[in-house]
PDB file of N, CA and C in Angstrom:
ATOM      1  N   TYR A   1     -64.088  31.538 -35.647  1.00  0.00           N
ATOM      2  CA  TYR A   1     -63.351  31.925 -35.054  1.00  0.00           C
ATOM      3  C   TYR A   1     -63.323  33.570 -34.556  1.00  0.00           C
ATOM      4  N   PRO A   2     -62.910  33.775 -33.231  1.00  0.00           N
ATOM      5  CA  PRO A   2     -63.203  34.677 -32.262  1.00  0.00           C
ATOM      6  C   PRO A   2     -62.650  35.394 -32.450  1.00  0.00           C
ATOM      7  N   ALA A   3     -62.324  36.877 -33.101  1.00  0.00           N
ATOM      8  CA  ALA A   3     -61.185  37.817 -32.507  1.00  0.00           C
ATOM      9  C   ALA A   3     -61.488  39.456 -32.241  1.00  0.00           C
ATOM     10  N   TRP A   4     -60.962  40.207 -31.785  1.00  0.00           N
ATOM     11  CA  TRP A   4     -61.523  41.651 -31.715  1.00  0.00           C
ATOM     12  C   TRP A   4     -60.843  42.263 -31.709  1.00  0.00           C
ATOM     13  N   SER A   5     -61.543  43.804 -31.648  1.00  0.00           N
ATOM     14  CA  SER A   5     -60.807  45.083 -32.693  1.00  0.00           C
ATOM     15  C   SER A   5     -59.745  45.228 -31.655  1.00  0.00           C
ATOM     16  N   GLY A   6     -59.498  45.017 -31.244  1.00  0.00           N
ATOM     17  CA  GLY A   6     -58.400  45.687 -29.795  1.00  0.00           C
ATOM     18  C   GLY A   6     -57.238  45.248 -30.059  1.00  0.00           C
ATOM     19  N   SER A   7     -56.988  44.152 -30.834  1.00  0.00           N
ATOM     20  CA  SER A   7     -55.653  42.954 -31.128  1.00  0.00           C
ATOM     21  C   SER A   7     -55.704  42.989 -32.998  1.00  0.00           C
ATOM     22  N   PRO A   8     -55.012  44.133 -33.575  1.00  0.00           N
ATOM     23  CA  PRO A   8     -54.780  43.648 -34.825  1.00  0.00           C
ATOM     24  C   PRO A   8     -53.971  42.576 -35.607  1.00  0.00           C
ATOM     25  N   THR A   9     -53.361  41.647 -34.949  1.00  0.00           N
ATOM     26  CA  THR A   9     -52.896  40.111 -34.832  1.00  0.00           C
ATOM     27  C   THR A   9     -53.913  39.631 -35.156  1.00  0.00           C
ATOM     28  N   THR A  10     -55.090  38.997 -34.143  1.00  0.00           N
ATOM     29  CA  THR A  10     -55.793  37.917 -34.169  1.00  0.00           C
ATOM     30  C   THR A  10     -56.879  38.613 -35.691  1.00  0.00           C
ATOM     31  N   LEU A  11     -57.292  39.982 -35.353  1.00  0.00           N
ATOM     32  CA  LEU A  11     -57.895  40.359 -37.029  1.00  0.00           C
ATOM     33  C   LEU A  11     -57.150  40.054 -38.196  1.00  0.00           C
ATOM     34  N   SER A  12     -55.921  39.889 -38.158  1.00  0.00           N
ATOM     35  CA  SER A  12     -55.173  39.657 -39.615  1.00  0.00           C
ATOM     36  C   SER A  12     -54.474  38.031 -39.712  1.00  0.00           C
ATOM     37  N   GLU A  13     -54.618  37.779 -38.729  1.00  0.00           N
ATOM     38  CA  GLU A  13     -54.504  36.062 -38.444  1.00  0.00           C
ATOM     39  C   GLU A  13     -54.293  34.721 -40.086  1.00  0.00           C
ATOM     40  N   ARG A  14     -55.709  34.560 -39.886  1.00  0.00           N
ATOM     41  CA  ARG A  14     -56.528  34.313 -41.116  1.00  0.00           C
ATOM     42  C   ARG A  14     -57.967  33.915 -41.923  1.00  0.00           C
ATOM     43  N   THR A  15     -57.509  33.294 -42.877  1.00  0.00           N
ATOM     44  CA  THR A  15     -58.729  34.160 -43.941  1.00  0.00           C
ATOM     45  C   THR A  15     -60.165  34.024 -43.240  1.00  0.00           C
ATOM     46  N   ILE A  16     -60.854  34.801 -43.752  1.00  0.00           N
ATOM     47  CA  ILE A  16     -62.285  33.781 -42.881  1.00  0.00           C
ATOM     48  C   ILE A  16     -63.242  34.365 -44.258  1.00  0.00           C
ATOM     49  N   ARG A  17     -64.841  33.669 -44.366  1.00  0.00           N
ATOM     50  CA  ARG A  17     -65.918  34.225 -45.410  1.00  0.00           C
ATOM     51  C   ARG A  17     -66.823  34.709 -44.595  1.00  0.00           C
ATOM     52  N   TYR A  18     -67.030  34.673 -42.879  1.00  0.00           N
ATOM     53  CA  TYR A  18     -67.887  35.536 -42.930  1.00  0.00           C
ATOM     54  C   TYR A  18     -67.320  36.619 -41.253  1.00  0.00           C
ATOM     55  N   VAL A  19     -67.738  37.757 -41.498  1.00  0.00           N
ATOM     56  CA  VAL A  19     -67.597  38.459 -40.396  1.00  0.00           C
ATOM     57  C   VAL A  19     -68.814  39.185 -40.374  1.00  0.00           C
ATOM     58  N   TRP A  20     -68.614  39.171 -38.821  1.00  0.00           N
ATOM     59  CA  TRP A  20     -69.323  39.865 -38.060  1.00  0.00           C
ATOM     60  C   TRP A  20     -69.304  41.262 -37.048  1.00  0.00           C
ATOM     61  N   LEU A  21     -69.273  42.228 -37.528  1.00  0.00           N
ATOM     62  CA  LEU A  21     -68.667  43.449 -36.806  1.00  0.00           C
ATOM     63  C   LEU A  21     -69.566  43.660 -36.179  1.00  0.00           C
ATOM     64  N   SER A  22     -69.216  43.920 -34.275  1.00  0.00           N
ATOM     65  CA  SER A  22     -70.024  44.482 -33.743  1.00  0.00           C
ATOM     66  C   SER A  22     -70.072  46.025 -32.884  1.00  0.00           C
ATOM     67  N   GLU A  23     -70.907  46.230 -33.271  1.00  0.00           N
ATOM     68  CA  GLU A  23     -70.522  48.076 -32.562  1.00  0.00           C
ATOM     69  C   GLU A  23     -69.181  48.302 -32.489  1.00  0.00           C
ATOM     70  N   LEU A  24     -69.561  48.991 -33.632  1.00  0.00           N
ATOM     71  CA  LEU A  24     -68.592  49.332 -35.480  1.00  0.00           C
ATOM     72  C   LEU A  24     -67.697  51.020 -34.224  1.00  0.00           C
ATOM     73  N   ASP A  25     -68.732  51.431 -33.832  1.00  0.00           N
ATOM     74  CA  ASP A  25     -68.917  52.985 -32.998  1.00  0.00           C
ATOM     75  C   ASP A  25     -67.757  52.692 -31.853  1.00  0.00           C
ATOM     76  N   LYS A  26     -67.440  51.620 -31.100  1.00  0.00           N
ATOM     77  CA  LYS A  26     -66.828  51.300 -30.335  1.00  0.00           C
ATOM     78  C   LYS A  26     -65.193  50.794 -29.950  1.00  0.00           C
ATOM     79  N   PHE A  27     -65.005  51.059 -31.758  1.00  0.00           N
ATOM     80  CA  PHE A  27     -63.725  49.758 -32.295  1.00  0.00           C
ATOM     81  C   PHE A  27     -63.133  51.051 -31.780  1.00  0.00           C
ATOM     82  N   PRO A  28     -61.607  51.196 -31.031  1.00  0.00           N
ATOM     83  CA  PRO A  28     -60.531  51.549 -31.744  1.00  0.00           C
ATOM     84  C   PRO A  28     -59.870  52.379 -31.872  1.00  0.00           C
ATOM     85  N   PRO A  29     -59.264  53.757 -32.282  1.00  0.00           N
ATOM     86  CA  PRO A  29     -59.159  54.192 -33.513  1.00  0.00           C
ATOM     87  C   PRO A  29     -57.691  53.275 -33.798  1.00  0.00           C
ATOM     88  N   PHE A  30     -57.186  54.010 -35.395  1.00  0.00           N
ATOM     89  CA  PHE A  30     -56.098  53.347 -35.932  1.00  0.00           C
ATOM     90  C   PHE A  30     -54.958  53.770 -35.141  1.00  0.00           C
ATOM     91  N   SER A  31     -54.016  52.835 -35.312  1.00  0.00           N
ATOM     92  CA  SER A  31     -52.816  52.750 -33.689  1.00  0.00           C
ATOM     93  C   SER A  31     -51.953  53.349 -35.132  1.00  0.00           C
ATOM     94  N   GLY A  32     -51.788  53.541 -36.064  1.00  0.00           N
ATOM     95  CA  GLY A  32     -50.325  54.192 -37.208  1.00  0.00           C
ATOM     96  C   GLY A  32     -49.416  52.991 -37.163  1.00  0.00           C
ATOM     97  N   ARG A  33     -49.688  51.670 -36.300  1.00  0.00           N
ATOM     98  CA  ARG A  33     -48.627  50.864 -36.949  1.00  0.00           C
ATOM     99  C   ARG A  33     -49.491  49.660 -38.011  1.00  0.00           C
ATOM    100  N   GLU A  34     -50.480  49.536 -37.468  1.00  0.00           N
ATOM    101  CA  GLU A  34     -51.775  48.472 -38.354  1.00  0.00           C
ATOM    102  C   GLU A  34     -52.985  49.260 -39.584  1.00  0.00           C
ATOM    103  N   ALA A  35     -53.491  48.383 -39.857  1.00  0.00           N
ATOM    104  CA  ALA A  35     -54.907  49.806 -40.655  1.00  0.00           C
ATOM    105  C   ALA A  35     -55.768  49.510 -39.478  1.00  0.00           C
ATOM    106  N   ASP A  36     -56.981  50.216 -39.551  1.00  0.00           N
ATOM    107  CA  ASP A  36     -58.025  49.910 -38.695  1.00  0.00           C
ATOM    108  C   ASP A  36     -58.649  48.591 -38.546  1.00  0.00           C
ATOM    109  N   PRO A  37     -59.651  48.421 -37.493  1.00  0.00           N
ATOM    110  CA  PRO A  37     -59.788  46.829 -37.398  1.00  0.00           C
ATOM    111  C   PRO A  37     -60.707  46.828 -38.125  1.00  0.00           C
ATOM    112  N   LEU A  38     -61.890  47.795 -38.936  1.00  0.00           N
ATOM    113  CA  LEU A  38     -62.569  47.543 -40.211  1.00  0.00           C
ATOM    114  C   LEU A  38     -62.470  47.103 -41.030  1.00  0.00           C
ATOM    115  N   SER A  39     -61.491  47.595 -42.351  1.00  0.00           N
ATOM    116  CA  SER A  39     -60.275  47.663 -42.581  1.00  0.00           C
ATOM    117  C   SER A  39     -59.958  45.914 -42.850  1.00  0.00           C
ATOM    118  N   LEU A  40     -59.117  46.023 -41.379  1.00  0.00           N
ATOM    119  CA  LEU A  40     -58.394  44.228 -41.284  1.00  0.00           C
ATOM    120  C   LEU A  40     -59.479  42.986 -41.742  1.00  0.00           C
ATOM    121  N   ALA A  41     -60.352  43.673 -40.998  1.00  0.00           N
ATOM    122  CA  ALA A  41     -61.572  42.304 -40.955  1.00  0.00           C
ATOM    123  C   ALA A  41     -61.982  42.819 -42.309  1.00  0.00           C
ATOM    124  N   LYS A  42     -62.466  43.201 -43.295  1.00  0.00           N
ATOM    125  CA  LYS A  42     -62.874  43.305 -44.872  1.00  0.00           C
ATOM    126  C   LYS A  42     -61.786  42.537 -45.350  1.00  0.00           C
ATOM    127  N   THR A  43     -60.217  42.725 -45.421  1.00  0.00           N
ATOM    128  CA  THR A  43     -59.106  42.729 -46.025  1.00  0.00           C
ATOM    129  C   THR A  43     -59.234  40.551 -45.742  1.00  0.00           C
ATOM    130  N   ARG A  44     -59.460  40.267 -44.608  1.00  0.00           N
ATOM    131  CA  ARG A  44     -59.064  38.689 -44.466  1.00  0.00           C
ATOM    132  C   ARG A  44     -60.507  38.218 -45.468  1.00  0.00           C
ATOM    133  N   THR A  45     -61.122  38.471 -46.021  1.00  0.00           N
ATOM    134  CA  THR A  45     -62.650  38.040 -45.839  1.00  0.00           C
ATOM    135  C   THR A  45     -61.955  38.182 -48.363  1.00  0.00           C
ATOM    136  N   GLN A  46     -61.369  38.759 -48.554  1.00  0.00           N
ATOM    137  CA  GLN A  46     -60.976  38.928 -50.192  1.00  0.00           C
ATOM    138  C   GLN A  46     -61.118  37.385 -51.035  1.00  0.00           C
ATOM    139  N   THR A  47     -60.562  36.777 -49.836  1.00  0.00           N
ATOM    140  CA  THR A  47     -59.758  34.833 -50.483  1.00  0.00           C
ATOM    141  C   THR A  47     -61.916  34.677 -50.835  1.00  0.00           C
ATOM    142  N   PHE A  48     -62.765  35.127 -50.095  1.00  0.00           N
ATOM    143  CA  PHE A  48     -63.798  34.685 -50.881  1.00  0.00           C
ATOM    144  C   PHE A  48     -64.279  35.177 -51.901  1.00  0.00           C
ATOM    145  N   GLY A  49     -63.909  36.014 -52.621  1.00  0.00           N
ATOM    146  CA  GLY A  49     -64.357  37.096 -53.887  1.00  0.00           C
ATOM    147  C   GLY A  49     -66.229  37.421 -52.787  1.00  0.00           C
ATOM    148  N   HIS A  50     -66.747  37.293 -54.013  1.00  0.00           N
ATOM    149  CA  HIS A  50     -68.597  36.858 -53.836  1.00  0.00           C
ATOM    150  C   HIS A  50     -68.900  36.282 -52.905  1.00  0.00           C
ATOM    151  N   ARG A  51     -68.520  34.882 -52.220  1.00  0.00           N
ATOM    152  CA  ARG A  51     -68.970  34.789 -51.428  1.00  0.00           C
ATOM    153  C   ARG A  51     -68.826  34.429 -50.595  1.00  0.00           C
ATOM    154  N   ARG A  52     -68.399  35.912 -49.621  1.00  0.00           N
ATOM    155  CA  ARG A  52     -68.559  36.228 -48.632  1.00  0.00           C
ATOM    156  C   ARG A  52     -69.431  37.610 -48.219  1.00  0.00           C
ATOM    157  N   LYS A  53     -69.214  37.689 -46.606  1.00  0.00           N
ATOM    158  CA  LYS A  53     -70.491  37.966 -46.656  1.00  0.00           C
ATOM    159  C   LYS A  53     -69.928  39.284 -45.329  1.00  0.00           C
ATOM    160  N   ILE A  54     -69.978  40.180 -44.865  1.00  0.00           N
ATOM    161  CA  ILE A  54     -70.114  41.118 -43.957  1.00  0.00           C
ATOM    162  C   ILE A  54     -70.965  41.636 -43.314  1.00  0.00           C
ATOM    163  N   TYR A  55     -71.207  41.099 -41.961  1.00  0.00           N
ATOM    164  CA  TYR A  55     -72.299  42.085 -40.795  1.00  0.00           C
ATOM    165  C   TYR A  55     -71.911  42.982 -40.361  1.00  0.00           C
ATOM    166  N   ALA A  56     -72.055  43.853 -40.373  1.00  0.00           N
ATOM    167  CA  ALA A  56     -71.729  45.313 -39.662  1.00  0.00           C
ATOM    168  C   ALA A  56     -73.354  45.169 -39.073  1.00  0.00           C
ATOM    169  N   GLU A  57     -72.691  45.713 -38.293  1.00  0.00           N
ATOM    170  CA  GLU A  57     -74.300  46.263 -37.000  1.00  0.00           C
ATOM    171  C   GLU A  57     -73.253  47.190 -35.423  1.00  0.00           C
ATOM    172  N   SER A  58     -74.412  48.561 -34.996  1.00  0.00           N
ATOM    173  CA  SER A  58     -73.737  48.817 -34.606  1.00  0.00           C
ATOM    174  C   SER A  58     -74.343  50.357 -33.827  1.00  0.00           C
ATOM    175  N   THR A  59     -75.157  50.581 -33.011  1.00  0.00           N
ATOM    176  CA  THR A  59     -75.656  51.748 -32.151  1.00  0.00           C
ATOM    177  C   THR A  59     -74.520  52.938 -32.465  1.00  0.00           C
ATOM    178  N   PRO A  60     -75.342  53.894 -33.104  1.00  0.00           N
ATOM    179  CA  PRO A  60     -74.195  55.088 -33.233  1.00  0.00           C
ATOM    180  C   PRO A  60     -74.274  56.184 -32.554  1.00  0.00           C
ATOM    181  N   THR A  61     -73.156  55.931 -32.288  1.00  0.00           N
ATOM    182  CA  THR A  61     -72.587  56.742 -30.369  1.00  0.00           C
ATOM    183  C   THR A  61     -72.449  58.738 -31.029  1.00  0.00           C
ATOM    184  N   THR A  62     -71.590  59.196 -31.929  1.00  0.00           N
ATOM    185  CA  THR A  62     -70.957  59.738 -32.451  1.00  0.00           C
ATOM    186  C   THR A  62     -71.509  60.494 -34.112  1.00  0.00           C
ATOM    187  N   ARG A  63     -71.386  61.548 -33.766  1.00  0.00           N
ATOM    188  CA  ARG A  63     -71.462  61.770 -35.833  1.00  0.00           C
ATOM    189  C   ARG A  63     -70.028  61.626 -36.277  1.00  0.00           C
ATOM    190  N   THR A  64     -68.981  62.058 -35.595  1.00  0.00           N
ATOM    191  CA  THR A  64     -68.245  61.173 -36.796  1.00  0.00           C
ATOM    192  C   THR A  64     -67.701  59.914 -36.374  1.00  0.00           C
ATOM    193  N   GLY A  65     -68.548  58.728 -35.625  1.00  0.00           N
ATOM    194  CA  GLY A  65     -68.121  57.514 -35.894  1.00  0.00           C
ATOM    195  C   GLY A  65     -68.255  57.004 -36.804  1.00  0.00           C
ATOM    196  N   ALA A  66     -68.011  55.380 -37.359  1.00  0.00           N
ATOM    197  CA  ALA A  66     -67.796  54.489 -37.980  1.00  0.00           C
ATOM    198  C   ALA A  66     -69.363  54.541 -38.973  1.00  0.00           C
ATOM    199  N   ILE A  67     -70.657  54.144 -37.366  1.00  0.00           N
ATOM    200  CA  ILE A  67     -71.935  54.746 -38.478  1.00  0.00           C
ATOM    201  C   ILE A  67     -72.950  56.275 -38.909  1.00  0.00           C
ATOM    202  N   ALA A  68     -72.314  57.321 -38.429  1.00  0.00           N
ATOM    203  CA  ALA A  68     -72.575  58.006 -39.009  1.00  0.00           C
ATOM    204  C   ALA A  68     -71.854  58.913 -40.054  1.00  0.00           C
ATOM    205  N   ARG A  69     -70.452  57.929 -40.042  1.00  0.00           N
ATOM    206  CA  ARG A  69     -70.380  58.797 -41.410  1.00  0.00           C
ATOM    207  C   ARG A  69     -70.551  57.222 -42.417  1.00  0.00           C
ATOM    208  N   ALA A  70     -70.772  56.503 -42.687  1.00  0.00           N
ATOM    209  CA  ALA A  70     -71.538  55.767 -43.283  1.00  0.00           C
ATOM    210  C   ALA A  70     -72.243  55.707 -43.723  1.00  0.00           C
ATOM    211  N   PHE A  71     -73.766  56.541 -42.791  1.00  0.00           N
ATOM    212  CA  PHE A  71     -74.369  57.074 -43.246  1.00  0.00           C
ATOM    213  C   PHE A  71     -74.451  58.245 -44.457  1.00  0.00           C
ATOM    214  N   GLU A  72     -73.423  59.148 -43.927  1.00  0.00           N
ATOM    215  CA  GLU A  72     -73.932  60.465 -44.734  1.00  0.00           C
ATOM    216  C   GLU A  72     -72.826  60.257 -46.023  1.00  0.00           C
ATOM    217  N   ALA A  73     -72.230  59.505 -45.969  1.00  0.00           N
ATOM    218  CA  ALA A  73     -71.887  58.626 -47.452  1.00  0.00           C
ATOM    219  C   ALA A  73     -72.425  57.631 -48.237  1.00  0.00           C
ATOM    220  N   ALA A  74     -73.421  57.253 -47.549  1.00  0.00           N
ATOM    221  CA  ALA A  74     -74.546  56.718 -48.519  1.00  0.00           C
ATOM    222  C   ALA A  74     -75.121  57.254 -49.861  1.00  0.00           C
ATOM    223  N   ASN A  75     -75.564  56.779 -51.028  1.00  0.00           N
ATOM    224  CA  ASN A  75     -76.431  57.190 -52.008  1.00  0.00           C
ATOM    225  C   ASN A  75     -77.672  57.091 -51.974  1.00  0.00           C
ATOM    226  N   ASP A  76     -78.483  55.924 -50.961  1.00  0.00           N
ATOM    227  CA  ASP A  76     -79.783  56.051 -50.663  1.00  0.00           C
ATOM    228  C   ASP A  76     -80.211  55.943 -49.217  1.00  0.00           C
ATOM    229  N   LYS A  77     -80.610  57.028 -48.560  1.00  0.00           N
ATOM    230  CA  LYS A  77     -80.921  57.290 -46.993  1.00  0.00           C
ATOM    231  C   LYS A  77     -82.446  57.238 -46.766  1.00  0.00           C
ATOM    232  N   ARG A  78     -82.591  56.243 -45.944  1.00  0.00           N
ATOM    233  CA  ARG A  78     -83.876  56.236 -45.479  1.00  0.00           C
ATOM    234  C   ARG A  78     -84.012  56.552 -44.128  1.00  0.00           C
ATOM    235  N   ARG A  79     -85.598  56.637 -44.004  1.00  0.00           N
ATOM    236  CA  ARG A  79     -86.323  56.992 -42.752  1.00  0.00           C
ATOM    237  C   ARG A  79     -87.034  56.155 -42.230  1.00  0.00           C
ATOM    238  N   TYR A  80     -87.416  55.065 -41.152  1.00  0.00           N
ATOM    239  CA  TYR A  80     -88.807  54.358 -41.145  1.00  0.00           C
ATOM    240  C   TYR A  80     -88.794  54.857 -39.076  1.00  0.00           C
ATOM    241  N   TRP A  81     -90.384  54.904 -39.614  1.00  0.00           N
ATOM    242  CA  TRP A  81     -90.984  55.524 -38.765  1.00  0.00           C
ATOM    243  C   TRP A  81     -92.241  54.166 -38.236  1.00  0.00           C
ATOM    244  N   VAL A  82     -91.837  53.936 -37.097  1.00  0.00           N
ATOM    245  CA  VAL A  82     -92.915  53.121 -36.702  1.00  0.00           C
ATOM    246  C   VAL A  82     -94.020  53.862 -35.276  1.00  0.00           C
TER     247      VAL A  82
END
């Protein structure tokens, strides 16, 4: 079921078990009427409990974006060198 972050209606109209969130830092900001797109997508999976899967991937774009904030809030920070 495809949905996009610019439409709160498509993100909240049905329950889903698997969510793939791509390019989180480019999601539109909170509009004031609905929750932010990340919260709406996570809420749609609550019906499935421990069987749900949420995949989130993105390229960090700014220091205040979703990826940078999640990294700063993480307890385990690792760096990989290739």
